[in-house]
C-alpha atoms as a PDB file:
ATOM      1  CA  UNK A   1      53.337 130.281  17.916  1.00  0.00           C
ATOM      2  CA  UNK A   2      51.833 126.978  17.305  1.00  0.00           C
ATOM      3  CA  UNK A   3      51.965 124.026  19.711  1.00  0.00           C
ATOM      4  CA  UNK A   4      55.108 121.838  19.309  1.00  0.00           C
ATOM      5  CA  UNK A   5      55.240 118.477  21.025  1.00  0.00           C
ATOM      6  CA  UNK A   6      57.939 116.297  20.943  1.00  0.00           C
ATOM      7  CA  UNK A   7      58.654 114.084  18.136  1.00  0.00           C
ATOM      8  CA  UNK A   8      58.587 110.225  18.947  1.00  0.00           C
ATOM      9  CA  UNK A   9      60.917 107.602  17.003  1.00  0.00           C
ATOM     10  CA  UNK A  10      57.977 105.314  16.790  1.00  0.00           C
ATOM     11  CA  UNK A  11      54.404 104.469  17.509  1.00  0.00           C
ATOM     12  CA  UNK A  12      52.980 100.855  17.044  1.00  0.00           C
ATOM     13  CA  UNK A  13      49.407 100.615  16.739  1.00  0.00           C
ATOM     14  CA  UNK A  14      48.300  96.954  17.851  1.00  0.00           C
ATOM     15  CA  UNK A  15      44.879  96.224  16.618  1.00  0.00           C
ATOM     16  CA  UNK A  16      42.992  93.346  14.195  1.00  0.00           C
ATOM     17  CA  UNK A  17      40.733  96.327  12.888  1.00  0.00           C
ATOM     18  CA  UNK A  18      42.316  96.973   9.722  1.00  0.00           C
ATOM     19  CA  UNK A  19      40.022 100.223   9.018  1.00  0.00           C
ATOM     20  CA  UNK A  20      40.897 101.525  12.990  1.00  0.00           C
ATOM     21  CA  UNK A  21      44.719 100.993  12.067  1.00  0.00           C
ATOM     22  CA  UNK A  22      44.252 102.993   8.639  1.00  0.00           C
ATOM     23  CA  UNK A  23      42.479 105.650  10.633  1.00  0.00           C
ATOM     24  CA  UNK A  24      44.730 106.254  13.535  1.00  0.00           C
ATOM     25  CA  UNK A  25      48.331 106.201  11.419  1.00  0.00           C
ATOM     26  CA  UNK A  26      46.844 109.015   9.320  1.00  0.00           C
ATOM     27  CA  UNK A  27      45.863 110.795  12.694  1.00  0.00           C
ATOM     28  CA  UNK A  28      49.648 110.395  14.090  1.00  0.00           C
ATOM     29  CA  UNK A  29      50.683 111.095  10.257  1.00  0.00           C
ATOM     30  CA  UNK A  30      49.024 114.258  10.639  1.00  0.00           C
ATOM     31  CA  UNK A  31      50.099 115.402  13.626  1.00  0.00           C
ATOM     32  CA  UNK A  32      53.870 114.772  12.875  1.00  0.00           C
ATOM     33  CA  UNK A  33      54.393 113.315  16.252  1.00  0.00           C
ATOM     34  CA  UNK A  34      56.207 110.253  15.123  1.00  0.00           C
ATOM     35  CA  UNK A  35      58.862 109.585  12.641  1.00  0.00           C
ATOM     36  CA  UNK A  36      57.922 105.885  11.964  1.00  0.00           C
ATOM     37  CA  UNK A  37      54.629 104.239  12.766  1.00  0.00           C
ATOM     38  CA  UNK A  38      53.968 100.643  12.703  1.00  0.00           C
ATOM     39  CA  UNK A  39      51.587  98.009  12.847  1.00  0.00           C
ATOM     40  CA  UNK A  40      50.430  94.983  13.831  1.00  0.00           C
ATOM     41  CA  UNK A  41      47.024  92.886  13.606  1.00  0.00           C
ATOM     42  CA  UNK A  42      47.165  90.812  17.055  1.00  0.00           C
ATOM     43  CA  UNK A  43      50.063  90.699  19.728  1.00  0.00           C
ATOM     44  CA  UNK A  44      51.775  88.007  18.402  1.00  0.00           C
ATOM     45  CA  UNK A  45      52.538  90.308  15.334  1.00  0.00           C
ATOM     46  CA  UNK A  46      52.958  92.969  17.887  1.00  0.00           C
ATOM     47  CA  UNK A  47      55.492  90.627  20.066  1.00  0.00           C
ATOM     48  CA  UNK A  48      57.518  89.710  16.972  1.00  0.00           C
ATOM     49  CA  UNK A  49      57.985  93.785  16.090  1.00  0.00           C
ATOM     50  CA  UNK A  50      59.480  93.870  20.055  1.00  0.00           C
ATOM     51  CA  UNK A  51      61.662  91.000  19.133  1.00  0.00           C
ATOM     52  CA  UNK A  52      63.076  92.587  16.263  1.00  0.00           C
ATOM     53  CA  UNK A  53      63.713  96.264  17.881  1.00  0.00           C
ATOM     54  CA  UNK A  54      65.379  93.944  20.324  1.00  0.00           C
ATOM     55  CA  UNK A  55      67.734  92.758  18.002  1.00  0.00           C
ATOM     56  CA  UNK A  56      67.842  96.304  16.414  1.00  0.00           C
ATOM     57  CA  UNK A  57      66.400  95.618  13.273  1.00  0.00           C
ATOM     58  CA  UNK A  58      63.748  97.874  13.411  1.00  0.00           C
ATOM     59  CA  UNK A  59      63.267 101.197  15.501  1.00  0.00           C
ATOM     60  CA  UNK A  60      61.553  99.889  18.888  1.00  0.00           C
ATOM     61  CA  UNK A  61      58.511 101.987  19.577  1.00  0.00           C
ATOM     62  CA  UNK A  62      57.979 105.096  22.264  1.00  0.00           C
ATOM     63  CA  UNK A  63      54.499 104.143  22.589  1.00  0.00           C
ATOM     64  CA  UNK A  64      52.334 101.249  21.815  1.00  0.00           C
ATOM     65  CA  UNK A  65      48.594 101.770  21.279  1.00  0.00           C
ATOM     66  CA  UNK A  66      47.012  98.017  22.089  1.00  0.00           C
ATOM     67  CA  UNK A  67      43.691  96.697  22.144  1.00  0.00           C
ATOM     68  CA  UNK A  68      42.452  94.130  23.907  1.00  0.00           C
ATOM     69  CA  UNK A  69      40.251  91.997  21.787  1.00  0.00           C
ATOM     70  CA  UNK A  70      42.018  90.305  19.528  1.00  0.00           C
ATOM     71  CA  UNK A  71      42.502  87.028  17.489  1.00  0.00           C
ATOM     72  CA  UNK A  72      45.910  85.004  17.773  1.00  0.00           C
ATOM     73  CA  UNK A  73      47.212  86.977  21.020  1.00  0.00           C
ATOM     74  CA  UNK A  74      44.849  89.337  22.716  1.00  0.00           C
ATOM     75  CA  UNK A  75      45.679  92.298  24.259  1.00  0.00           C
ATOM     76  CA  UNK A  76      46.553  90.368  27.953  1.00  0.00           C
ATOM     77  CA  UNK A  77      48.694  87.743  26.178  1.00  0.00           C
ATOM     78  CA  UNK A  78      50.608  90.587  24.603  1.00  0.00           C
ATOM     79  CA  UNK A  79      51.401  92.338  28.037  1.00  0.00           C
ATOM     80  CA  UNK A  80      51.947  89.311  29.838  1.00  0.00           C
ATOM     81  CA  UNK A  81      55.261  88.076  27.611  1.00  0.00           C
ATOM     82  CA  UNK A  82      55.904  91.780  27.095  1.00  0.00           C
ATOM     83  CA  UNK A  83      56.385  92.185  30.610  1.00  0.00           C
ATOM     84  CA  UNK A  84      59.008  89.389  30.401  1.00  0.00           C
ATOM     85  CA  UNK A  85      61.426  90.589  27.575  1.00  0.00           C
ATOM     86  CA  UNK A  86      64.081  92.983  28.345  1.00  0.00           C
ATOM     87  CA  UNK A  87      63.184  95.991  25.879  1.00  0.00           C
ATOM     88  CA  UNK A  88      66.234  98.113  25.925  1.00  0.00           C
ATOM     89  CA  UNK A  89      64.435 101.436  26.836  1.00  0.00           C
ATOM     90  CA  UNK A  90      61.261 102.797  27.463  1.00  0.00           C
ATOM     91  CA  UNK A  91      58.220 101.571  26.256  1.00  0.00           C
ATOM     92  CA  UNK A  92      54.727 103.245  27.154  1.00  0.00           C
ATOM     93  CA  UNK A  93      51.524 100.887  26.399  1.00  0.00           C
ATOM     94  CA  UNK A  94      48.250 102.528  26.188  1.00  0.00           C
ATOM     95  CA  UNK A  95      45.640 100.180  26.494  1.00  0.00           C
ATOM     96  CA  UNK A  96      43.139 101.457  23.155  1.00  0.00           C
ATOM     97  CA  UNK A  97      40.139  99.437  23.345  1.00  0.00           C
ATOM     98  CA  UNK A  98      35.742  99.808  22.937  1.00  0.00           C
ATOM     99  CA  UNK A  99      35.984  97.206  26.123  1.00  0.00           C
ATOM    100  CA  UNK A 100      34.188  98.796  28.715  1.00  0.00           C
ATOM    101  CA  UNK A 101      33.697  95.414  30.999  1.00  0.00           C
ATOM    102  CA  UNK A 102      34.760  96.099  34.359  1.00  0.00           C
ATOM    103  CA  UNK A 103      36.829  92.770  34.800  1.00  0.00           C
ATOM    104  CA  UNK A 104      39.013  94.019  31.568  1.00  0.00           C
ATOM    105  CA  UNK A 105      40.218  96.878  33.037  1.00  0.00           C
ATOM    106  CA  UNK A 106      40.304  95.649  36.999  1.00  0.00           C
ATOM    107  CA  UNK A 107      42.614  92.356  34.846  1.00  0.00           C
ATOM    108  CA  UNK A 108      44.636  95.542  33.100  1.00  0.00           C
ATOM    109  CA  UNK A 109      45.391  96.824  37.207  1.00  0.00           C
ATOM    110  CA  UNK A 110      48.035  93.851  37.411  1.00  0.00           C
ATOM    111  CA  UNK A 111      50.416  95.189  34.498  1.00  0.00           C
ATOM    112  CA  UNK A 112      52.695  97.905  34.213  1.00  0.00           C
ATOM    113  CA  UNK A 113      50.952 100.218  31.319  1.00  0.00           C
ATOM    114  CA  UNK A 114      50.838 104.079  31.131  1.00  0.00           C
ATOM    115  CA  UNK A 115      47.379 104.375  30.283  1.00  0.00           C
ATOM    116  CA  UNK A 116      43.766 103.391  29.492  1.00  0.00           C
ATOM    117  CA  UNK A 117      41.585 105.045  26.426  1.00  0.00           C
ATOM    118  CA  UNK A 118      38.536 104.348  24.625  1.00  0.00           C
ATOM    119  CA  UNK A 119      38.443 104.347  20.879  1.00  0.00           C
ATOM    120  CA  UNK A 120      38.245 106.175  18.811  1.00  0.00           C
ATOM    121  CA  UNK A 121      41.604 108.105  19.236  1.00  0.00           C
ATOM    122  CA  UNK A 122      41.869 111.800  18.447  1.00  0.00           C
ATOM    123  CA  UNK A 123      43.836 114.164  18.047  1.00  0.00           C
ATOM    124  CA  UNK A 124      43.405 115.435  22.321  1.00  0.00           C
ATOM    125  CA  UNK A 125      44.240 111.641  22.895  1.00  0.00           C
ATOM    126  CA  UNK A 126      47.417 111.462  21.043  1.00  0.00           C
ATOM    127  CA  UNK A 127      47.895 115.526  22.220  1.00  0.00           C
ATOM    128  CA  UNK A 128      47.555 113.877  25.849  1.00  0.00           C
ATOM    129  CA  UNK A 129      49.552 110.967  25.651  1.00  0.00           C
ATOM    130  CA  UNK A 130      52.699 112.830  23.983  1.00  0.00           C
ATOM    131  CA  UNK A 131      52.648 115.710  26.776  1.00  0.00           C
ATOM    132  CA  UNK A 132      53.342 113.087  29.368  1.00  0.00           C
ATOM    133  CA  UNK A 133      55.767 111.426  28.193  1.00  0.00           C
END
């Protein structure tokens, strides 16, 4: 019998790199772990999406894969604003970044994140995240 993971309603990819989003979206689709895959190119777009899900206009993500270094609103700006929001269900934020800057990693300790992963996102990493939820 094959490996069955629980299926999430939605996953939100927050990254300014279109190619990374495309690859991650294909990987998640292939693994069939989410009914809906949403994409935001920066923290501001992601926050707007969360506001829409609060009004029940779109599905709220179960998991957010968040990059740190982005234009407009970076990952830290997103986390700061996100923690002040009243999200109607448990949203798990996983930081997915190429940053190995110790200052960034230390900075993340003050936020309610579920995990920290280095890019690229792989099948193993996705399965690990889903299993831990």
